[in-house]
Structure formats: structure tokens, C-alpha cells
Amino acid sequence: MAFTSDEFKSKMEEIEHTYHEWFSKHPPIGNSNVNSIHDHYYIYMSTQGHQLRFNASSDLPVEIRTLIKDTFSEVSPQS
């Protein structure tokens, strides 16, 4: 079952907007043309439910990673 949450997506956009300067100054990951917050993490289903992980090539600062993890915990179905 895929993790879909409009609330999560909206909050990710807010974080990306808040840290726009950081995202605009760092190169994109993979084949993207722009550095997007969504390229730095992935969500998958495990026996414990949906899990959030960061891509190995992500260079997000700890502050942004923490915001993403906290937001995921707030809106995740298993919360």
C-alpha cells in the first residue's frame, strides 16, 4: 500500500519553501533539473507499516531532516 497524504505533501512544500535558499544553492539529486525536497527521501512499506528513509546521496542539513521525520511521524497512519 502506497503512502499518500495530502497533509504530508503540503507540509513538505512548506518546508521546501521555508528553506528555499538552501535548496536553490545545492545541486539536484539524480536526473532532476531542480533540487526538490521530495528527491531526498523515500517512503516504503514494511511489516511495521510505512517507513521513511533518506537517500544515501542526500546532503540535507540535520535541521531539515528532523523536520521531515517529525512531519512524517505526525501524519503517518501508524501514529
PDB file of N, CA and C in Angstrom:
ATOM      1  N   MET A   1       0.851  -1.182   0.000  1.00  0.00           N
ATOM      2  CA  MET A   1       0.000   0.000   0.000  1.00  0.00           C
ATOM      3  C   MET A   1       0.895   1.244   0.000  1.00  0.00           C
ATOM      4  N   ALA A   2       0.692   2.095  -0.942  1.00  0.00           N
ATOM      5  CA  ALA A   2       1.493   3.318  -1.059  1.00  0.00           C
ATOM      6  C   ALA A   2       1.084   4.326   0.016  1.00  0.00           C
ATOM      7  N   PHE A   3       2.047   5.093   0.455  1.00  0.00           N
ATOM      8  CA  PHE A   3       1.768   6.147   1.424  1.00  0.00           C
ATOM      9  C   PHE A   3       1.367   7.395   0.642  1.00  0.00           C
ATOM     10  N   THR A   4       0.140   7.832   0.827  1.00  0.00           N
ATOM     11  CA  THR A   4      -0.321   9.055   0.192  1.00  0.00           C
ATOM     12  C   THR A   4      -0.970   9.912   1.265  1.00  0.00           C
ATOM     13  N   SER A   5      -0.513  11.112   1.369  1.00  0.00           N
ATOM     14  CA  SER A   5      -1.080  12.027   2.355  1.00  0.00           C
ATOM     15  C   SER A   5      -0.949  13.445   1.812  1.00  0.00           C
ATOM     16  N   ASP A   6      -2.092  14.046   1.539  1.00  0.00           N
ATOM     17  CA  ASP A   6      -2.070  15.434   1.074  1.00  0.00           C
ATOM     18  C   ASP A   6      -1.488  16.351   2.142  1.00  0.00           C
ATOM     19  N   GLU A   7      -1.763  16.034   3.403  1.00  0.00           N
ATOM     20  CA  GLU A   7      -1.219  16.838   4.505  1.00  0.00           C
ATOM     21  C   GLU A   7       0.305  16.766   4.516  1.00  0.00           C
ATOM     22  N   PHE A   8       0.859  15.562   4.344  1.00  0.00           N
ATOM     23  CA  PHE A   8       2.311  15.393   4.320  1.00  0.00           C
ATOM     24  C   PHE A   8       2.920  16.160   3.149  1.00  0.00           C
ATOM     25  N   LYS A   9       2.334  16.002   1.967  1.00  0.00           N
ATOM     26  CA  LYS A   9       2.846  16.699   0.782  1.00  0.00           C
ATOM     27  C   LYS A   9       2.806  18.214   0.977  1.00  0.00           C
ATOM     28  N   SER A  10       1.728  18.702   1.550  1.00  0.00           N
ATOM     29  CA  SER A  10       1.588  20.136   1.796  1.00  0.00           C
ATOM     30  C   SER A  10       2.655  20.633   2.765  1.00  0.00           C
ATOM     31  N   LYS A  11       2.889  19.857   3.810  1.00  0.00           N
ATOM     32  CA  LYS A  11       3.903  20.258   4.797  1.00  0.00           C
ATOM     33  C   LYS A  11       5.312  20.183   4.211  1.00  0.00           C
ATOM     34  N   MET A  12       5.543  19.224   3.311  1.00  0.00           N
ATOM     35  CA  MET A  12       6.848  19.152   2.649  1.00  0.00           C
ATOM     36  C   MET A  12       7.058  20.401   1.781  1.00  0.00           C
ATOM     37  N   GLU A  13       6.008  20.843   1.114  1.00  0.00           N
ATOM     38  CA  GLU A  13       6.106  22.062   0.306  1.00  0.00           C
ATOM     39  C   GLU A  13       6.395  23.277   1.186  1.00  0.00           C
ATOM     40  N   GLU A  14       5.799  23.319   2.369  1.00  0.00           N
ATOM     41  CA  GLU A  14       6.063  24.417   3.312  1.00  0.00           C
ATOM     42  C   GLU A  14       7.528  24.409   3.749  1.00  0.00           C
ATOM     43  N   ILE A  15       8.053  23.231   4.061  1.00  0.00           N
ATOM     44  CA  ILE A  15       9.456  23.123   4.466  1.00  0.00           C
ATOM     45  C   ILE A  15      10.362  23.551   3.318  1.00  0.00           C
ATOM     46  N   GLU A  16      10.060  23.077   2.115  1.00  0.00           N
ATOM     47  CA  GLU A  16      10.870  23.437   0.949  1.00  0.00           C
ATOM     48  C   GLU A  16      10.828  24.948   0.721  1.00  0.00           C
ATOM     49  N   HIS A  17       9.674  25.540   0.902  1.00  0.00           N
ATOM     50  CA  HIS A  17       9.548  26.993   0.749  1.00  0.00           C
ATOM     51  C   HIS A  17      10.352  27.726   1.830  1.00  0.00           C
ATOM     52  N   THR A  18      10.254  27.262   3.061  1.00  0.00           N
ATOM     53  CA  THR A  18      10.984  27.884   4.173  1.00  0.00           C
ATOM     54  C   THR A  18      12.491  27.836   3.933  1.00  0.00           C
ATOM     55  N   TYR A  19      12.966  26.733   3.379  1.00  0.00           N
ATOM     56  CA  TYR A  19      14.402  26.542   3.139  1.00  0.00           C
ATOM     57  C   TYR A  19      14.756  26.686   1.659  1.00  0.00           C
ATOM     58  N   HIS A  20      13.988  27.506   0.969  1.00  0.00           N
ATOM     59  CA  HIS A  20      14.192  27.717  -0.463  1.00  0.00           C
ATOM     60  C   HIS A  20      15.645  28.075  -0.787  1.00  0.00           C
ATOM     61  N   GLU A  21      16.232  28.906   0.023  1.00  0.00           N
ATOM     62  CA  GLU A  21      17.612  29.330  -0.240  1.00  0.00           C
ATOM     63  C   GLU A  21      18.559  28.129  -0.242  1.00  0.00           C
ATOM     64  N   TRP A  22      18.399  27.231   0.713  1.00  0.00           N
ATOM     65  CA  TRP A  22      19.268  26.054   0.765  1.00  0.00           C
ATOM     66  C   TRP A  22      19.055  25.207  -0.488  1.00  0.00           C
ATOM     67  N   PHE A  23      17.796  24.925  -0.830  1.00  0.00           N
ATOM     68  CA  PHE A  23      17.503  24.078  -1.993  1.00  0.00           C
ATOM     69  C   PHE A  23      18.005  24.707  -3.286  1.00  0.00           C
ATOM     70  N   SER A  24      17.915  26.022  -3.396  1.00  0.00           N
ATOM     71  CA  SER A  24      18.348  26.687  -4.622  1.00  0.00           C
ATOM     72  C   SER A  24      19.874  26.729  -4.755  1.00  0.00           C
ATOM     73  N   LYS A  25      20.598  26.595  -3.661  1.00  0.00           N
ATOM     74  CA  LYS A  25      22.066  26.672  -3.700  1.00  0.00           C
ATOM     75  C   LYS A  25      22.754  25.315  -3.825  1.00  0.00           C
ATOM     76  N   HIS A  26      21.993  24.238  -3.706  1.00  0.00           N
ATOM     77  CA  HIS A  26      22.584  22.910  -3.782  1.00  0.00           C
ATOM     78  C   HIS A  26      22.118  22.203  -5.048  1.00  0.00           C
ATOM     79  N   PRO A  27      23.010  21.406  -5.644  1.00  0.00           N
ATOM     80  CA  PRO A  27      22.657  20.741  -6.905  1.00  0.00           C
ATOM     81  C   PRO A  27      21.564  19.693  -6.702  1.00  0.00           C
ATOM     82  N   PRO A  28      20.784  19.459  -7.732  1.00  0.00           N
ATOM     83  CA  PRO A  28      19.723  18.446  -7.647  1.00  0.00           C
ATOM     84  C   PRO A  28      20.305  17.037  -7.543  1.00  0.00           C
ATOM     85  N   ILE A  29      19.493  16.138  -7.044  1.00  0.00           N
ATOM     86  CA  ILE A  29      19.872  14.729  -6.929  1.00  0.00           C
ATOM     87  C   ILE A  29      19.352  13.988  -8.161  1.00  0.00           C
ATOM     88  N   GLY A  30      20.175  13.137  -8.724  1.00  0.00           N
ATOM     89  CA  GLY A  30      19.741  12.313  -9.855  1.00  0.00           C
ATOM     90  C   GLY A  30      19.518  13.114 -11.117  1.00  0.00           C
ATOM     91  N   ASN A  31      18.425  12.803 -11.809  1.00  0.00           N
ATOM     92  CA  ASN A  31      18.141  13.413 -13.100  1.00  0.00           C
ATOM     93  C   ASN A  31      17.258  14.647 -13.011  1.00  0.00           C
ATOM     94  N   SER A  32      16.998  15.118 -11.821  1.00  0.00           N
ATOM     95  CA  SER A  32      16.132  16.287 -11.648  1.00  0.00           C
ATOM     96  C   SER A  32      16.814  17.549 -12.157  1.00  0.00           C
ATOM     97  N   ASN A  33      15.994  18.500 -12.581  1.00  0.00           N
ATOM     98  CA  ASN A  33      16.517  19.795 -13.022  1.00  0.00           C
ATOM     99  C   ASN A  33      16.656  20.769 -11.870  1.00  0.00           C
ATOM    100  N   VAL A  34      15.863  20.551 -10.824  1.00  0.00           N
ATOM    101  CA  VAL A  34      15.907  21.414  -9.641  1.00  0.00           C
ATOM    102  C   VAL A  34      16.017  20.545  -8.402  1.00  0.00           C
ATOM    103  N   ASN A  35      16.549  21.114  -7.348  1.00  0.00           N
ATOM    104  CA  ASN A  35      16.697  20.402  -6.087  1.00  0.00           C
ATOM    105  C   ASN A  35      15.366  20.459  -5.348  1.00  0.00           C
ATOM    106  N   SER A  36      14.700  19.332  -5.245  1.00  0.00           N
ATOM    107  CA  SER A  36      13.391  19.247  -4.599  1.00  0.00           C
ATOM    108  C   SER A  36      13.496  18.433  -3.313  1.00  0.00           C
ATOM    109  N   ILE A  37      12.752  18.844  -2.313  1.00  0.00           N
ATOM    110  CA  ILE A  37      12.741  18.116  -1.046  1.00  0.00           C
ATOM    111  C   ILE A  37      12.350  16.657  -1.258  1.00  0.00           C
ATOM    112  N   HIS A  38      11.471  16.399  -2.221  1.00  0.00           N
ATOM    113  CA  HIS A  38      10.965  15.048  -2.465  1.00  0.00           C
ATOM    114  C   HIS A  38      12.036  14.100  -3.007  1.00  0.00           C
ATOM    115  N   ASP A  39      13.126  14.637  -3.520  1.00  0.00           N
ATOM    116  CA  ASP A  39      14.208  13.799  -4.039  1.00  0.00           C
ATOM    117  C   ASP A  39      15.133  13.292  -2.932  1.00  0.00           C
ATOM    118  N   HIS A  40      14.974  13.798  -1.735  1.00  0.00           N
ATOM    119  CA  HIS A  40      15.893  13.472  -0.646  1.00  0.00           C
ATOM    120  C   HIS A  40      15.424  12.331   0.246  1.00  0.00           C
ATOM    121  N   TYR A  41      14.170  11.935   0.120  1.00  0.00           N
ATOM    122  CA  TYR A  41      13.650  10.871   0.981  1.00  0.00           C
ATOM    123  C   TYR A  41      12.786   9.908   0.167  1.00  0.00           C
ATOM    124  N   TYR A  42      12.519   8.777   0.772  1.00  0.00           N
ATOM    125  CA  TYR A  42      11.562   7.840   0.186  1.00  0.00           C
ATOM    126  C   TYR A  42      10.782   7.181   1.323  1.00  0.00           C
ATOM    127  N   ILE A  43       9.590   6.742   0.998  1.00  0.00           N
ATOM    128  CA  ILE A  43       8.717   6.095   1.968  1.00  0.00           C
ATOM    129  C   ILE A  43       8.400   4.708   1.423  1.00  0.00           C
ATOM    130  N   TYR A  44       8.516   3.715   2.278  1.00  0.00           N
ATOM    131  CA  TYR A  44       8.235   2.353   1.854  1.00  0.00           C
ATOM    132  C   TYR A  44       7.418   1.635   2.927  1.00  0.00           C
ATOM    133  N   MET A  45       6.824   0.539   2.544  1.00  0.00           N
ATOM    134  CA  MET A  45       6.007  -0.253   3.451  1.00  0.00           C
ATOM    135  C   MET A  45       6.833  -1.410   3.992  1.00  0.00           C
ATOM    136  N   SER A  46       6.810  -1.582   5.306  1.00  0.00           N
ATOM    137  CA  SER A  46       7.479  -2.717   5.942  1.00  0.00           C
ATOM    138  C   SER A  46       6.445  -3.424   6.829  1.00  0.00           C
ATOM    139  N   THR A  47       6.883  -4.438   7.537  1.00  0.00           N
ATOM    140  CA  THR A  47       5.967  -5.140   8.436  1.00  0.00           C
ATOM    141  C   THR A  47       5.502  -4.242   9.578  1.00  0.00           C
ATOM    142  N   GLN A  48       6.244  -3.170   9.863  1.00  0.00           N
ATOM    143  CA  GLN A  48       5.861  -2.211  10.902  1.00  0.00           C
ATOM    144  C   GLN A  48       5.003  -1.073  10.360  1.00  0.00           C
ATOM    145  N   GLY A  49       4.712  -1.093   9.081  1.00  0.00           N
ATOM    146  CA  GLY A  49       3.940  -0.018   8.458  1.00  0.00           C
ATOM    147  C   GLY A  49       4.831   0.816   7.558  1.00  0.00           C
ATOM    148  N   HIS A  50       4.393   2.009   7.253  1.00  0.00           N
ATOM    149  CA  HIS A  50       5.165   2.905   6.385  1.00  0.00           C
ATOM    150  C   HIS A  50       6.399   3.407   7.118  1.00  0.00           C
ATOM    151  N   GLN A  51       7.512   3.417   6.388  1.00  0.00           N
ATOM    152  CA  GLN A  51       8.791   3.865   6.941  1.00  0.00           C
ATOM    153  C   GLN A  51       9.366   4.953   6.050  1.00  0.00           C
ATOM    154  N   LEU A  52      10.041   5.916   6.660  1.00  0.00           N
ATOM    155  CA  LEU A  52      10.677   6.999   5.921  1.00  0.00           C
ATOM    156  C   LEU A  52      12.182   6.830   6.029  1.00  0.00           C
ATOM    157  N   ARG A  53      12.862   6.946   4.911  1.00  0.00           N
ATOM    158  CA  ARG A  53      14.323   6.886   4.869  1.00  0.00           C
ATOM    159  C   ARG A  53      14.822   8.010   3.969  1.00  0.00           C
ATOM    160  N   PHE A  54      16.073   8.398   4.187  1.00  0.00           N
ATOM    161  CA  PHE A  54      16.696   9.414   3.352  1.00  0.00           C
ATOM    162  C   PHE A  54      17.612   8.752   2.346  1.00  0.00           C
ATOM    163  N   ASN A  55      17.630   9.292   1.126  1.00  0.00           N
ATOM    164  CA  ASN A  55      18.504   8.770   0.079  1.00  0.00           C
ATOM    165  C   ASN A  55      19.955   8.939   0.496  1.00  0.00           C
ATOM    166  N   ALA A  56      20.771   7.960   0.154  1.00  0.00           N
ATOM    167  CA  ALA A  56      22.184   7.980   0.534  1.00  0.00           C
ATOM    168  C   ALA A  56      22.895   9.217  -0.007  1.00  0.00           C
ATOM    169  N   SER A  57      22.468   9.712  -1.148  1.00  0.00           N
ATOM    170  CA  SER A  57      23.130  10.867  -1.759  1.00  0.00           C
ATOM    171  C   SER A  57      22.588  12.201  -1.235  1.00  0.00           C
ATOM    172  N   SER A  58      21.628  12.154  -0.316  1.00  0.00           N
ATOM    173  CA  SER A  58      21.056  13.380   0.233  1.00  0.00           C
ATOM    174  C   SER A  58      22.048  14.084   1.149  1.00  0.00           C
ATOM    175  N   ASP A  59      22.161  15.381   0.944  1.00  0.00           N
ATOM    176  CA  ASP A  59      23.039  16.191   1.793  1.00  0.00           C
ATOM    177  C   ASP A  59      22.228  17.203   2.615  1.00  0.00           C
ATOM    178  N   LEU A  60      20.974  16.848   2.902  1.00  0.00           N
ATOM    179  CA  LEU A  60      20.128  17.734   3.693  1.00  0.00           C
ATOM    180  C   LEU A  60      20.739  17.986   5.064  1.00  0.00           C
ATOM    181  N   PRO A  61      20.658  19.222   5.530  1.00  0.00           N
ATOM    182  CA  PRO A  61      21.117  19.509   6.890  1.00  0.00           C
ATOM    183  C   PRO A  61      20.237  18.782   7.913  1.00  0.00           C
ATOM    184  N   VAL A  62      20.796  18.541   9.083  1.00  0.00           N
ATOM    185  CA  VAL A  62      20.084  17.837  10.146  1.00  0.00           C
ATOM    186  C   VAL A  62      18.766  18.534  10.476  1.00  0.00           C
ATOM    187  N   GLU A  63      18.747  19.838  10.473  1.00  0.00           N
ATOM    188  CA  GLU A  63      17.540  20.598  10.801  1.00  0.00           C
ATOM    189  C   GLU A  63      16.384  20.249   9.854  1.00  0.00           C
ATOM    190  N   ILE A  64      16.661  20.170   8.563  1.00  0.00           N
ATOM    191  CA  ILE A  64      15.617  19.850   7.589  1.00  0.00           C
ATOM    192  C   ILE A  64      15.220  18.377   7.713  1.00  0.00           C
ATOM    193  N   ARG A  65      16.182  17.495   7.903  1.00  0.00           N
ATOM    194  CA  ARG A  65      15.875  16.079   8.088  1.00  0.00           C
ATOM    195  C   ARG A  65      14.958  15.871   9.294  1.00  0.00           C
ATOM    196  N   THR A  66      15.248  16.564  10.362  1.00  0.00           N
ATOM    197  CA  THR A  66      14.434  16.447  11.572  1.00  0.00           C
ATOM    198  C   THR A  66      13.009  16.909  11.313  1.00  0.00           C
ATOM    199  N   LEU A  67      12.848  18.008  10.590  1.00  0.00           N
ATOM    200  CA  LEU A  67      11.506  18.492  10.257  1.00  0.00           C
ATOM    201  C   LEU A  67      10.737  17.462   9.418  1.00  0.00           C
ATOM    202  N   ILE A  68      11.414  16.849   8.468  1.00  0.00           N
ATOM    203  CA  ILE A  68      10.783  15.836   7.625  1.00  0.00           C
ATOM    204  C   ILE A  68      10.360  14.642   8.475  1.00  0.00           C
ATOM    205  N   LYS A  69      11.266  14.144   9.324  1.00  0.00           N
ATOM    206  CA  LYS A  69      10.949  12.995  10.175  1.00  0.00           C
ATOM    207  C   LYS A  69       9.801  13.312  11.130  1.00  0.00           C
ATOM    208  N   ASP A  70       9.833  14.477  11.735  1.00  0.00           N
ATOM    209  CA  ASP A  70       8.767  14.864  12.666  1.00  0.00           C
ATOM    210  C   ASP A  70       7.425  14.968  11.946  1.00  0.00           C
ATOM    211  N   THR A  71       7.436  15.547  10.753  1.00  0.00           N
ATOM    212  CA  THR A  71       6.202  15.686   9.974  1.00  0.00           C
ATOM    213  C   THR A  71       5.668  14.314   9.593  1.00  0.00           C
ATOM    214  N   PHE A  72       6.537  13.427   9.155  1.00  0.00           N
ATOM    215  CA  PHE A  72       6.120  12.079   8.802  1.00  0.00           C
ATOM    216  C   PHE A  72       5.488  11.376  10.008  1.00  0.00           C
ATOM    217  N   SER A  73       6.099  11.526  11.168  1.00  0.00           N
ATOM    218  CA  SER A  73       5.567  10.901  12.389  1.00  0.00           C
ATOM    219  C   SER A  73       4.188  11.452  12.733  1.00  0.00           C
ATOM    220  N   GLU A  74       3.985  12.734  12.483  1.00  0.00           N
ATOM    221  CA  GLU A  74       2.701  13.377  12.793  1.00  0.00           C
ATOM    222  C   GLU A  74       1.566  12.878  11.892  1.00  0.00           C
ATOM    223  N   VAL A  75       1.855  12.644  10.630  1.00  0.00           N
ATOM    224  CA  VAL A  75       0.788  12.308   9.673  1.00  0.00           C
ATOM    225  C   VAL A  75       0.754  10.833   9.274  1.00  0.00           C
ATOM    226  N   SER A  76       1.718  10.067   9.705  1.00  0.00           N
ATOM    227  CA  SER A  76       1.789   8.660   9.342  1.00  0.00           C
ATOM    228  C   SER A  76       0.598   7.889   9.914  1.00  0.00           C
ATOM    229  N   PRO A  77       0.035   6.967   9.145  1.00  0.00           N
ATOM    230  CA  PRO A  77      -1.138   6.213   9.595  1.00  0.00           C
ATOM    231  C   PRO A  77      -0.918   5.425  10.888  1.00  0.00           C
ATOM    232  N   GLN A  78       0.317   5.000  11.155  1.00  0.00           N
ATOM    233  CA  GLN A  78       0.552   4.214  12.360  1.00  0.00           C
ATOM    234  C   GLN A  78       0.789   5.075  13.583  1.00  0.00           C
ATOM    235  N   SER A  79       0.693   6.389  13.451  1.00  0.00           N
ATOM    236  CA  SER A  79       0.892   7.284  14.595  1.00  0.00           C
ATOM    237  C   SER A  79      -0.216   7.117  15.602  1.00  0.00           C
TER     238      SER A  79
END
